[in-house]
């Protein structure tokens, strides 16, 4: 990681962790501290990508950027449990999980049962549905590992390699000066009638270029990456189809997090 920061190249790690070994006490925590410290130092400098299975915390990680110049993404594949290894994915910019197999929690069902006598499953305690719909910790959930990894690849196609790079543009057959007559009919004349703002956004951006972030959390706000004339853009839009598009706590946090990530100054 030190060399990657010096060279300005991404860090790719393969992780397989069951969390800290209690037998090793402070030494194991010190090991995590060394990793976390370098995550912080690399933040805003280079992407950090980590992948693993049976990882008691997370797996495919492009670590978080405080300055939105660098992405940090976690795709939790296989079984994910508790421990120090779960904290880093929870702090990353994007977390992808797999439905019915991925889970993330500070402490597992066995400890919960021992302390509170409550019986709870891994899915109910910290499964993909919990984190994509209720807590907002995860950004997307997918049916299987392959879909999750493909989504990681697609998401990364919108992002720069480092804070010194421009976001990657791509060729498009969608003319930037095209006229869409359907736009005049999308928004109802009656302000009390709802409409889905996705229909409007998809007509304005390049064809089939929208990649929505956190679609199941704070659905009254839409946050997404897309392209216009082949260049990546970030979209934030109130969605009148849900709660009339009014802001609440979840949607405000969602929009603020996405806006902060996307507000990257241009390279020198």
C-alpha atoms as a PDB file:
ATOM      1  CA  UNK A   1       0.000   0.000   0.000  1.00  0.00           C
ATOM      2  CA  UNK A   2       2.905   2.339   0.737  1.00  0.00           C
ATOM      3  CA  UNK A   3       4.414   1.613  -2.682  1.00  0.00           C
ATOM      4  CA  UNK A   4       1.059   2.099  -4.404  1.00  0.00           C
ATOM      5  CA  UNK A   5       0.634   5.526  -2.864  1.00  0.00           C
ATOM      6  CA  UNK A   6       4.136   6.486  -3.936  1.00  0.00           C
ATOM      7  CA  UNK A   7       3.582   5.270  -7.510  1.00  0.00           C
ATOM      8  CA  UNK A   8      -0.015   6.461  -7.773  1.00  0.00           C
ATOM      9  CA  UNK A   9      -1.461   3.074  -8.687  1.00  0.00           C
ATOM     10  CA  UNK A  10      -4.402   1.097  -7.276  1.00  0.00           C
ATOM     11  CA  UNK A  11      -4.059  -1.411  -4.459  1.00  0.00           C
ATOM     12  CA  UNK A  12      -5.683  -4.816  -5.060  1.00  0.00           C
ATOM     13  CA  UNK A  13      -5.869  -7.167  -2.094  1.00  0.00           C
ATOM     14  CA  UNK A  14      -7.294 -10.686  -1.724  1.00  0.00           C
ATOM     15  CA  UNK A  15      -8.701 -11.042   1.797  1.00  0.00           C
ATOM     16  CA  UNK A  16      -9.947 -14.035   3.728  1.00  0.00           C
ATOM     17  CA  UNK A  17     -10.572 -13.150   7.343  1.00  0.00           C
ATOM     18  CA  UNK A  18     -12.560 -14.369  10.312  1.00  0.00           C
ATOM     19  CA  UNK A  19     -11.998 -11.194  12.265  1.00  0.00           C
ATOM     20  CA  UNK A  20      -9.478 -10.597  15.036  1.00  0.00           C
ATOM     21  CA  UNK A  21      -8.071 -13.551  16.984  1.00  0.00           C
ATOM     22  CA  UNK A  22      -9.040 -12.923  20.590  1.00  0.00           C
ATOM     23  CA  UNK A  23      -6.100 -15.071  21.711  1.00  0.00           C
ATOM     24  CA  UNK A  24      -3.682 -12.552  20.235  1.00  0.00           C
ATOM     25  CA  UNK A  25      -5.275  -9.649  22.073  1.00  0.00           C
ATOM     26  CA  UNK A  26      -3.815  -6.227  21.465  1.00  0.00           C
ATOM     27  CA  UNK A  27      -1.383  -7.517  18.832  1.00  0.00           C
ATOM     28  CA  UNK A  28      -4.237  -8.410  16.489  1.00  0.00           C
ATOM     29  CA  UNK A  29      -5.850  -5.026  17.016  1.00  0.00           C
ATOM     30  CA  UNK A  30      -2.518  -3.352  16.309  1.00  0.00           C
ATOM     31  CA  UNK A  31      -2.386  -5.212  12.997  1.00  0.00           C
ATOM     32  CA  UNK A  32      -5.777  -3.825  12.048  1.00  0.00           C
ATOM     33  CA  UNK A  33      -4.603  -0.368  13.084  1.00  0.00           C
ATOM     34  CA  UNK A  34      -1.689  -0.564  10.638  1.00  0.00           C
ATOM     35  CA  UNK A  35      -4.072  -1.436   7.807  1.00  0.00           C
ATOM     36  CA  UNK A  36      -6.588   1.254   8.779  1.00  0.00           C
ATOM     37  CA  UNK A  37      -3.846   3.878   9.019  1.00  0.00           C
ATOM     38  CA  UNK A  38      -2.706   3.146   5.488  1.00  0.00           C
ATOM     39  CA  UNK A  39      -6.302   3.199   4.304  1.00  0.00           C
ATOM     40  CA  UNK A  40      -6.545   6.716   5.678  1.00  0.00           C
ATOM     41  CA  UNK A  41      -3.236   7.801   4.163  1.00  0.00           C
ATOM     42  CA  UNK A  42      -4.226   6.373   0.778  1.00  0.00           C
ATOM     43  CA  UNK A  43      -7.643   8.007   0.898  1.00  0.00           C
ATOM     44  CA  UNK A  44      -7.897  10.546  -1.883  1.00  0.00           C
ATOM     45  CA  UNK A  45      -4.661   9.296  -3.456  1.00  0.00           C
ATOM     46  CA  UNK A  46      -5.167   5.841  -5.024  1.00  0.00           C
ATOM     47  CA  UNK A  47      -8.002   3.300  -5.250  1.00  0.00           C
ATOM     48  CA  UNK A  48      -7.685   0.366  -2.869  1.00  0.00           C
ATOM     49  CA  UNK A  49      -9.385  -2.783  -4.150  1.00  0.00           C
ATOM     50  CA  UNK A  50      -9.750  -5.857  -1.981  1.00  0.00           C
ATOM     51  CA  UNK A  51     -11.624  -9.087  -2.668  1.00  0.00           C
ATOM     52  CA  UNK A  52     -12.289 -12.221  -0.619  1.00  0.00           C
ATOM     53  CA  UNK A  53     -14.772 -14.887   0.374  1.00  0.00           C
ATOM     54  CA  UNK A  54     -15.916 -16.124   3.777  1.00  0.00           C
ATOM     55  CA  UNK A  55     -14.755 -12.721   4.949  1.00  0.00           C
ATOM     56  CA  UNK A  56     -16.068 -11.718   8.337  1.00  0.00           C
ATOM     57  CA  UNK A  57     -16.576  -8.156   7.347  1.00  0.00           C
ATOM     58  CA  UNK A  58     -16.352  -7.582   3.649  1.00  0.00           C
ATOM     59  CA  UNK A  59     -14.524  -8.408   0.521  1.00  0.00           C
ATOM     60  CA  UNK A  60     -14.119  -6.490  -2.734  1.00  0.00           C
ATOM     61  CA  UNK A  61     -12.966  -3.047  -1.596  1.00  0.00           C
ATOM     62  CA  UNK A  62     -12.041   0.153  -3.338  1.00  0.00           C
ATOM     63  CA  UNK A  63     -11.545   2.176  -0.216  1.00  0.00           C
ATOM     64  CA  UNK A  64     -13.227   5.428   0.562  1.00  0.00           C
ATOM     65  CA  UNK A  65     -12.017   8.831  -0.558  1.00  0.00           C
ATOM     66  CA  UNK A  66     -12.622  11.762   1.754  1.00  0.00           C
ATOM     67  CA  UNK A  67     -12.112  14.079  -1.190  1.00  0.00           C
ATOM     68  CA  UNK A  68     -14.158  12.090  -3.684  1.00  0.00           C
ATOM     69  CA  UNK A  69     -11.121  11.866  -5.962  1.00  0.00           C
ATOM     70  CA  UNK A  70     -10.663   8.185  -5.291  1.00  0.00           C
ATOM     71  CA  UNK A  71     -13.310   5.523  -4.899  1.00  0.00           C
ATOM     72  CA  UNK A  72     -13.354   2.827  -2.247  1.00  0.00           C
ATOM     73  CA  UNK A  73     -15.823   0.068  -2.882  1.00  0.00           C
ATOM     74  CA  UNK A  74     -16.696  -3.075  -0.935  1.00  0.00           C
ATOM     75  CA  UNK A  75     -18.491  -5.989  -2.522  1.00  0.00           C
ATOM     76  CA  UNK A  76     -19.396  -8.429   0.248  1.00  0.00           C
ATOM     77  CA  UNK A  77     -19.355 -11.897  -1.278  1.00  0.00           C
ATOM     78  CA  UNK A  78     -19.957 -15.180   0.473  1.00  0.00           C
ATOM     79  CA  UNK A  79     -20.444 -15.123   4.242  1.00  0.00           C
ATOM     80  CA  UNK A  80     -19.490 -11.991   6.130  1.00  0.00           C
ATOM     81  CA  UNK A  81     -19.624 -11.774   9.917  1.00  0.00           C
ATOM     82  CA  UNK A  82     -18.300  -9.667  12.745  1.00  0.00           C
ATOM     83  CA  UNK A  83     -14.941  -8.424  13.961  1.00  0.00           C
ATOM     84  CA  UNK A  84     -12.378  -5.785  13.186  1.00  0.00           C
ATOM     85  CA  UNK A  85     -12.394  -6.749   9.518  1.00  0.00           C
ATOM     86  CA  UNK A  86     -15.974  -5.529   9.153  1.00  0.00           C
ATOM     87  CA  UNK A  87     -15.184  -1.936  10.052  1.00  0.00           C
ATOM     88  CA  UNK A  88     -13.274  -1.010   6.905  1.00  0.00           C
ATOM     89  CA  UNK A  89     -16.022  -2.011   4.428  1.00  0.00           C
ATOM     90  CA  UNK A  90     -18.544  -0.071   6.517  1.00  0.00           C
ATOM     91  CA  UNK A  91     -16.444   3.058   5.969  1.00  0.00           C
ATOM     92  CA  UNK A  92     -16.003   2.679   2.235  1.00  0.00           C
ATOM     93  CA  UNK A  93     -17.756   4.742  -0.396  1.00  0.00           C
ATOM     94  CA  UNK A  94     -19.695   1.871  -1.944  1.00  0.00           C
ATOM     95  CA  UNK A  95     -20.687  -1.517  -0.575  1.00  0.00           C
ATOM     96  CA  UNK A  96     -22.205  -4.251  -2.742  1.00  0.00           C
ATOM     97  CA  UNK A  97     -23.726  -7.335  -1.116  1.00  0.00           C
ATOM     98  CA  UNK A  98     -25.114 -10.642  -2.331  1.00  0.00           C
ATOM     99  CA  UNK A  99     -28.672 -11.521  -1.407  1.00  0.00           C
ATOM    100  CA  UNK A 100     -29.193 -14.370   1.081  1.00  0.00           C
ATOM    101  CA  UNK A 101     -25.459 -15.053   1.471  1.00  0.00           C
ATOM    102  CA  UNK A 102     -23.750 -11.811   2.524  1.00  0.00           C
ATOM    103  CA  UNK A 103     -24.057 -10.373   5.997  1.00  0.00           C
ATOM    104  CA  UNK A 104     -22.299  -7.703   8.038  1.00  0.00           C
ATOM    105  CA  UNK A 105     -22.571  -7.019  11.754  1.00  0.00           C
ATOM    106  CA  UNK A 106     -20.396  -5.879  14.631  1.00  0.00           C
ATOM    107  CA  UNK A 107     -21.155  -9.049  16.579  1.00  0.00           C
ATOM    108  CA  UNK A 108     -22.872 -12.247  15.460  1.00  0.00           C
ATOM    109  CA  UNK A 109     -26.062 -14.118  16.329  1.00  0.00           C
ATOM    110  CA  UNK A 110     -24.323 -16.379  18.862  1.00  0.00           C
ATOM    111  CA  UNK A 111     -23.098 -13.436  20.927  1.00  0.00           C
ATOM    112  CA  UNK A 112     -26.505 -11.778  20.688  1.00  0.00           C
ATOM    113  CA  UNK A 113     -28.132 -14.949  21.996  1.00  0.00           C
ATOM    114  CA  UNK A 114     -25.616 -15.279  24.831  1.00  0.00           C
ATOM    115  CA  UNK A 115     -26.015 -11.686  25.992  1.00  0.00           C
ATOM    116  CA  UNK A 116     -29.713 -11.004  25.351  1.00  0.00           C
ATOM    117  CA  UNK A 117     -31.195 -14.513  24.942  1.00  0.00           C
ATOM    118  CA  UNK A 118     -32.606 -13.339  21.622  1.00  0.00           C
ATOM    119  CA  UNK A 119     -32.455 -15.739  18.686  1.00  0.00           C
ATOM    120  CA  UNK A 120     -31.789 -13.941  15.403  1.00  0.00           C
ATOM    121  CA  UNK A 121     -30.542 -15.156  12.033  1.00  0.00           C
ATOM    122  CA  UNK A 122     -27.564 -13.750  10.161  1.00  0.00           C
ATOM    123  CA  UNK A 123     -29.895 -12.422   7.465  1.00  0.00           C
ATOM    124  CA  UNK A 124     -32.137 -10.606   9.935  1.00  0.00           C
ATOM    125  CA  UNK A 125     -29.204  -9.242  11.910  1.00  0.00           C
ATOM    126  CA  UNK A 126     -27.124  -7.921   9.053  1.00  0.00           C
ATOM    127  CA  UNK A 127     -28.118  -9.355   5.693  1.00  0.00           C
ATOM    128  CA  UNK A 128     -28.228  -7.588   2.352  1.00  0.00           C
ATOM    129  CA  UNK A 129     -31.875  -6.584   2.753  1.00  0.00           C
ATOM    130  CA  UNK A 130     -31.217  -4.982   6.140  1.00  0.00           C
ATOM    131  CA  UNK A 131     -28.292  -2.919   4.919  1.00  0.00           C
ATOM    132  CA  UNK A 132     -29.732  -1.844   1.554  1.00  0.00           C
ATOM    133  CA  UNK A 133     -33.231  -0.952   2.775  1.00  0.00           C
ATOM    134  CA  UNK A 134     -33.030  -0.044   6.478  1.00  0.00           C
ATOM    135  CA  UNK A 135     -29.560   0.917   7.669  1.00  0.00           C
ATOM    136  CA  UNK A 136     -28.237   2.329   4.400  1.00  0.00           C
ATOM    137  CA  UNK A 137     -24.819   0.801   5.046  1.00  0.00           C
ATOM    138  CA  UNK A 138     -24.797  -1.044   1.703  1.00  0.00           C
ATOM    139  CA  UNK A 139     -25.547   0.547  -1.638  1.00  0.00           C
ATOM    140  CA  UNK A 140     -26.734  -2.342  -3.807  1.00  0.00           C
ATOM    141  CA  UNK A 141     -27.621  -6.030  -3.448  1.00  0.00           C
ATOM    142  CA  UNK A 142     -27.364  -8.627  -6.194  1.00  0.00           C
ATOM    143  CA  UNK A 143     -28.650 -12.136  -6.796  1.00  0.00           C
ATOM    144  CA  UNK A 144     -25.217 -13.792  -6.944  1.00  0.00           C
ATOM    145  CA  UNK A 145     -21.482 -13.185  -6.859  1.00  0.00           C
ATOM    146  CA  UNK A 146     -21.176 -12.883 -10.636  1.00  0.00           C
ATOM    147  CA  UNK A 147     -23.785 -10.119 -10.811  1.00  0.00           C
ATOM    148  CA  UNK A 148     -22.082  -8.282  -7.964  1.00  0.00           C
ATOM    149  CA  UNK A 149     -18.670  -8.403  -9.642  1.00  0.00           C
ATOM    150  CA  UNK A 150     -20.134  -7.245 -12.946  1.00  0.00           C
ATOM    151  CA  UNK A 151     -21.722  -4.329 -11.129  1.00  0.00           C
ATOM    152  CA  UNK A 152     -18.360  -3.492  -9.560  1.00  0.00           C
ATOM    153  CA  UNK A 153     -16.838  -3.374 -13.029  1.00  0.00           C
ATOM    154  CA  UNK A 154     -19.655  -1.206 -14.361  1.00  0.00           C
ATOM    155  CA  UNK A 155     -19.482   1.209 -11.440  1.00  0.00           C
ATOM    156  CA  UNK A 156     -15.757   1.577 -11.813  1.00  0.00           C
ATOM    157  CA  UNK A 157     -16.216   2.524 -15.488  1.00  0.00           C
ATOM    158  CA  UNK A 158     -17.575   5.866 -14.255  1.00  0.00           C
ATOM    159  CA  UNK A 159     -14.701   6.588 -11.859  1.00  0.00           C
ATOM    160  CA  UNK A 160     -11.133   7.870 -12.311  1.00  0.00           C
ATOM    161  CA  UNK A 161      -8.147   5.694 -11.426  1.00  0.00           C
ATOM    162  CA  UNK A 162      -6.815   8.297  -9.013  1.00  0.00           C
ATOM    163  CA  UNK A 163      -7.254  11.900  -8.009  1.00  0.00           C
ATOM    164  CA  UNK A 164      -4.859  12.915 -10.795  1.00  0.00           C
ATOM    165  CA  UNK A 165      -6.964  11.343 -13.524  1.00  0.00           C
ATOM    166  CA  UNK A 166     -10.088  12.453 -15.360  1.00  0.00           C
ATOM    167  CA  UNK A 167     -13.145  10.162 -15.233  1.00  0.00           C
ATOM    168  CA  UNK A 168     -13.055   7.848 -18.255  1.00  0.00           C
ATOM    169  CA  UNK A 169     -15.116   8.952 -21.239  1.00  0.00           C
ATOM    170  CA  UNK A 170     -16.509   6.411 -23.677  1.00  0.00           C
ATOM    171  CA  UNK A 171     -17.772   6.493 -27.216  1.00  0.00           C
ATOM    172  CA  UNK A 172     -21.511   6.863 -27.671  1.00  0.00           C
ATOM    173  CA  UNK A 173     -23.940   6.712 -30.573  1.00  0.00           C
ATOM    174  CA  UNK A 174     -26.415   8.885 -28.670  1.00  0.00           C
ATOM    175  CA  UNK A 175     -26.191  12.325 -30.294  1.00  0.00           C
ATOM    176  CA  UNK A 176     -25.823  15.103 -27.693  1.00  0.00           C
ATOM    177  CA  UNK A 177     -28.093  17.418 -29.703  1.00  0.00           C
ATOM    178  CA  UNK A 178     -30.964  14.955 -30.151  1.00  0.00           C
ATOM    179  CA  UNK A 179     -34.494  16.192 -29.447  1.00  0.00           C
ATOM    180  CA  UNK A 180     -36.874  14.101 -27.356  1.00  0.00           C
ATOM    181  CA  UNK A 181     -40.452  15.190 -27.885  1.00  0.00           C
ATOM    182  CA  UNK A 182     -41.602  12.923 -25.053  1.00  0.00           C
ATOM    183  CA  UNK A 183     -40.043  15.202 -22.436  1.00  0.00           C
ATOM    184  CA  UNK A 184     -42.897  17.692 -22.733  1.00  0.00           C
ATOM    185  CA  UNK A 185     -45.404  15.049 -21.614  1.00  0.00           C
ATOM    186  CA  UNK A 186     -43.493  13.441 -18.725  1.00  0.00           C
ATOM    187  CA  UNK A 187     -44.266  15.991 -16.026  1.00  0.00           C
ATOM    188  CA  UNK A 188     -48.027  16.152 -15.315  1.00  0.00           C
ATOM    189  CA  UNK A 189     -49.789  19.510 -15.503  1.00  0.00           C
ATOM    190  CA  UNK A 190     -51.448  18.702 -12.185  1.00  0.00           C
ATOM    191  CA  UNK A 191     -48.819  19.242  -9.431  1.00  0.00           C
ATOM    192  CA  UNK A 192     -50.626  16.690  -7.255  1.00  0.00           C
ATOM    193  CA  UNK A 193     -49.969  13.848  -9.694  1.00  0.00           C
ATOM    194  CA  UNK A 194     -46.745  11.864  -9.088  1.00  0.00           C
ATOM    195  CA  UNK A 195     -44.283  10.729 -11.720  1.00  0.00           C
ATOM    196  CA  UNK A 196     -41.058   8.738 -11.627  1.00  0.00           C
ATOM    197  CA  UNK A 197     -38.122  11.054 -12.229  1.00  0.00           C
ATOM    198  CA  UNK A 198     -36.119   8.105 -13.580  1.00  0.00           C
ATOM    199  CA  UNK A 199     -38.205   8.299 -16.753  1.00  0.00           C
ATOM    200  CA  UNK A 200     -37.086  11.888 -17.216  1.00  0.00           C
ATOM    201  CA  UNK A 201     -33.427  11.248 -16.417  1.00  0.00           C
ATOM    202  CA  UNK A 202     -33.163   8.321 -18.821  1.00  0.00           C
ATOM    203  CA  UNK A 203     -34.367  10.530 -21.671  1.00  0.00           C
ATOM    204  CA  UNK A 204     -31.776  13.226 -20.951  1.00  0.00           C
ATOM    205  CA  UNK A 205     -28.655  11.108 -20.449  1.00  0.00           C
ATOM    206  CA  UNK A 206     -26.935   8.771 -22.911  1.00  0.00           C
ATOM    207  CA  UNK A 207     -28.981   5.693 -23.745  1.00  0.00           C
ATOM    208  CA  UNK A 208     -28.774   2.911 -21.155  1.00  0.00           C
ATOM    209  CA  UNK A 209     -26.009   4.643 -19.171  1.00  0.00           C
ATOM    210  CA  UNK A 210     -27.734   5.096 -15.802  1.00  0.00           C
ATOM    211  CA  UNK A 211     -26.231   3.252 -12.823  1.00  0.00           C
ATOM    212  CA  UNK A 212     -28.316   3.903  -9.727  1.00  0.00           C
ATOM    213  CA  UNK A 213     -26.751   4.033  -6.275  1.00  0.00           C
ATOM    214  CA  UNK A 214     -28.792   2.975  -3.214  1.00  0.00           C
ATOM    215  CA  UNK A 215     -32.052   2.390  -5.147  1.00  0.00           C
ATOM    216  CA  UNK A 216     -33.811   0.773  -2.158  1.00  0.00           C
ATOM    217  CA  UNK A 217     -32.845   3.314   0.513  1.00  0.00           C
ATOM    218  CA  UNK A 218     -34.299   6.821   0.692  1.00  0.00           C
ATOM    219  CA  UNK A 219     -36.152   6.209  -2.568  1.00  0.00           C
ATOM    220  CA  UNK A 220     -37.603   9.732  -2.559  1.00  0.00           C
ATOM    221  CA  UNK A 221     -34.164  10.834  -3.795  1.00  0.00           C
ATOM    222  CA  UNK A 222     -32.477   9.318  -6.839  1.00  0.00           C
ATOM    223  CA  UNK A 223     -28.685   9.172  -6.872  1.00  0.00           C
ATOM    224  CA  UNK A 224     -26.953   7.692  -9.886  1.00  0.00           C
ATOM    225  CA  UNK A 225     -23.996   7.789 -12.208  1.00  0.00           C
ATOM    226  CA  UNK A 226     -24.641   8.224 -15.911  1.00  0.00           C
ATOM    227  CA  UNK A 227     -23.062   9.601 -19.066  1.00  0.00           C
ATOM    228  CA  UNK A 228     -23.792  12.604 -21.217  1.00  0.00           C
ATOM    229  CA  UNK A 229     -22.006  12.720 -24.580  1.00  0.00           C
ATOM    230  CA  UNK A 230     -19.923   9.824 -23.272  1.00  0.00           C
ATOM    231  CA  UNK A 231     -18.661  11.671 -20.204  1.00  0.00           C
ATOM    232  CA  UNK A 232     -19.520  10.460 -16.670  1.00  0.00           C
ATOM    233  CA  UNK A 233     -21.890  12.616 -14.625  1.00  0.00           C
ATOM    234  CA  UNK A 234     -23.469  12.294 -11.185  1.00  0.00           C
ATOM    235  CA  UNK A 235     -27.250  12.669 -10.853  1.00  0.00           C
ATOM    236  CA  UNK A 236     -29.201  13.741  -7.768  1.00  0.00           C
ATOM    237  CA  UNK A 237     -32.949  14.226  -8.213  1.00  0.00           C
ATOM    238  CA  UNK A 238     -36.052  14.303  -6.040  1.00  0.00           C
ATOM    239  CA  UNK A 239     -38.462  11.530  -7.014  1.00  0.00           C
ATOM    240  CA  UNK A 240     -42.126  12.623  -6.800  1.00  0.00           C
ATOM    241  CA  UNK A 241     -43.223   8.974  -7.064  1.00  0.00           C
ATOM    242  CA  UNK A 242     -42.122   8.373  -3.447  1.00  0.00           C
ATOM    243  CA  UNK A 243     -43.307  10.645  -0.608  1.00  0.00           C
ATOM    244  CA  UNK A 244     -43.923  13.321  -3.225  1.00  0.00           C
ATOM    245  CA  UNK A 245     -40.152  13.711  -3.464  1.00  0.00           C
ATOM    246  CA  UNK A 246     -39.990  15.427  -0.062  1.00  0.00           C
ATOM    247  CA  UNK A 247     -36.769  15.174   1.918  1.00  0.00           C
ATOM    248  CA  UNK A 248     -36.558  13.064   5.052  1.00  0.00           C
ATOM    249  CA  UNK A 249     -33.563  11.943   7.119  1.00  0.00           C
ATOM    250  CA  UNK A 250     -32.699   8.902   5.005  1.00  0.00           C
ATOM    251  CA  UNK A 251     -32.914  10.688   1.665  1.00  0.00           C
ATOM    252  CA  UNK A 252     -30.976  13.694   2.976  1.00  0.00           C
ATOM    253  CA  UNK A 253     -28.134  11.500   4.213  1.00  0.00           C
ATOM    254  CA  UNK A 254     -28.163   9.555   0.950  1.00  0.00           C
ATOM    255  CA  UNK A 255     -27.981  12.688  -1.204  1.00  0.00           C
ATOM    256  CA  UNK A 256     -25.330  14.313   0.991  1.00  0.00           C
ATOM    257  CA  UNK A 257     -23.072  11.251   0.923  1.00  0.00           C
ATOM    258  CA  UNK A 258     -23.352  10.912  -2.834  1.00  0.00           C
ATOM    259  CA  UNK A 259     -22.869  14.618  -3.434  1.00  0.00           C
ATOM    260  CA  UNK A 260     -19.796  14.712  -1.219  1.00  0.00           C
ATOM    261  CA  UNK A 261     -18.265  11.771  -3.073  1.00  0.00           C
ATOM    262  CA  UNK A 262     -18.998  13.312  -6.460  1.00  0.00           C
ATOM    263  CA  UNK A 263     -17.732  16.813  -5.638  1.00  0.00           C
ATOM    264  CA  UNK A 264     -14.171  16.188  -6.679  1.00  0.00           C
ATOM    265  CA  UNK A 265     -11.992  19.111  -7.820  1.00  0.00           C
ATOM    266  CA  UNK A 266     -10.577  18.683 -11.321  1.00  0.00           C
ATOM    267  CA  UNK A 267      -7.014  17.360 -11.682  1.00  0.00           C
ATOM    268  CA  UNK A 268      -4.198  19.911 -11.791  1.00  0.00           C
END
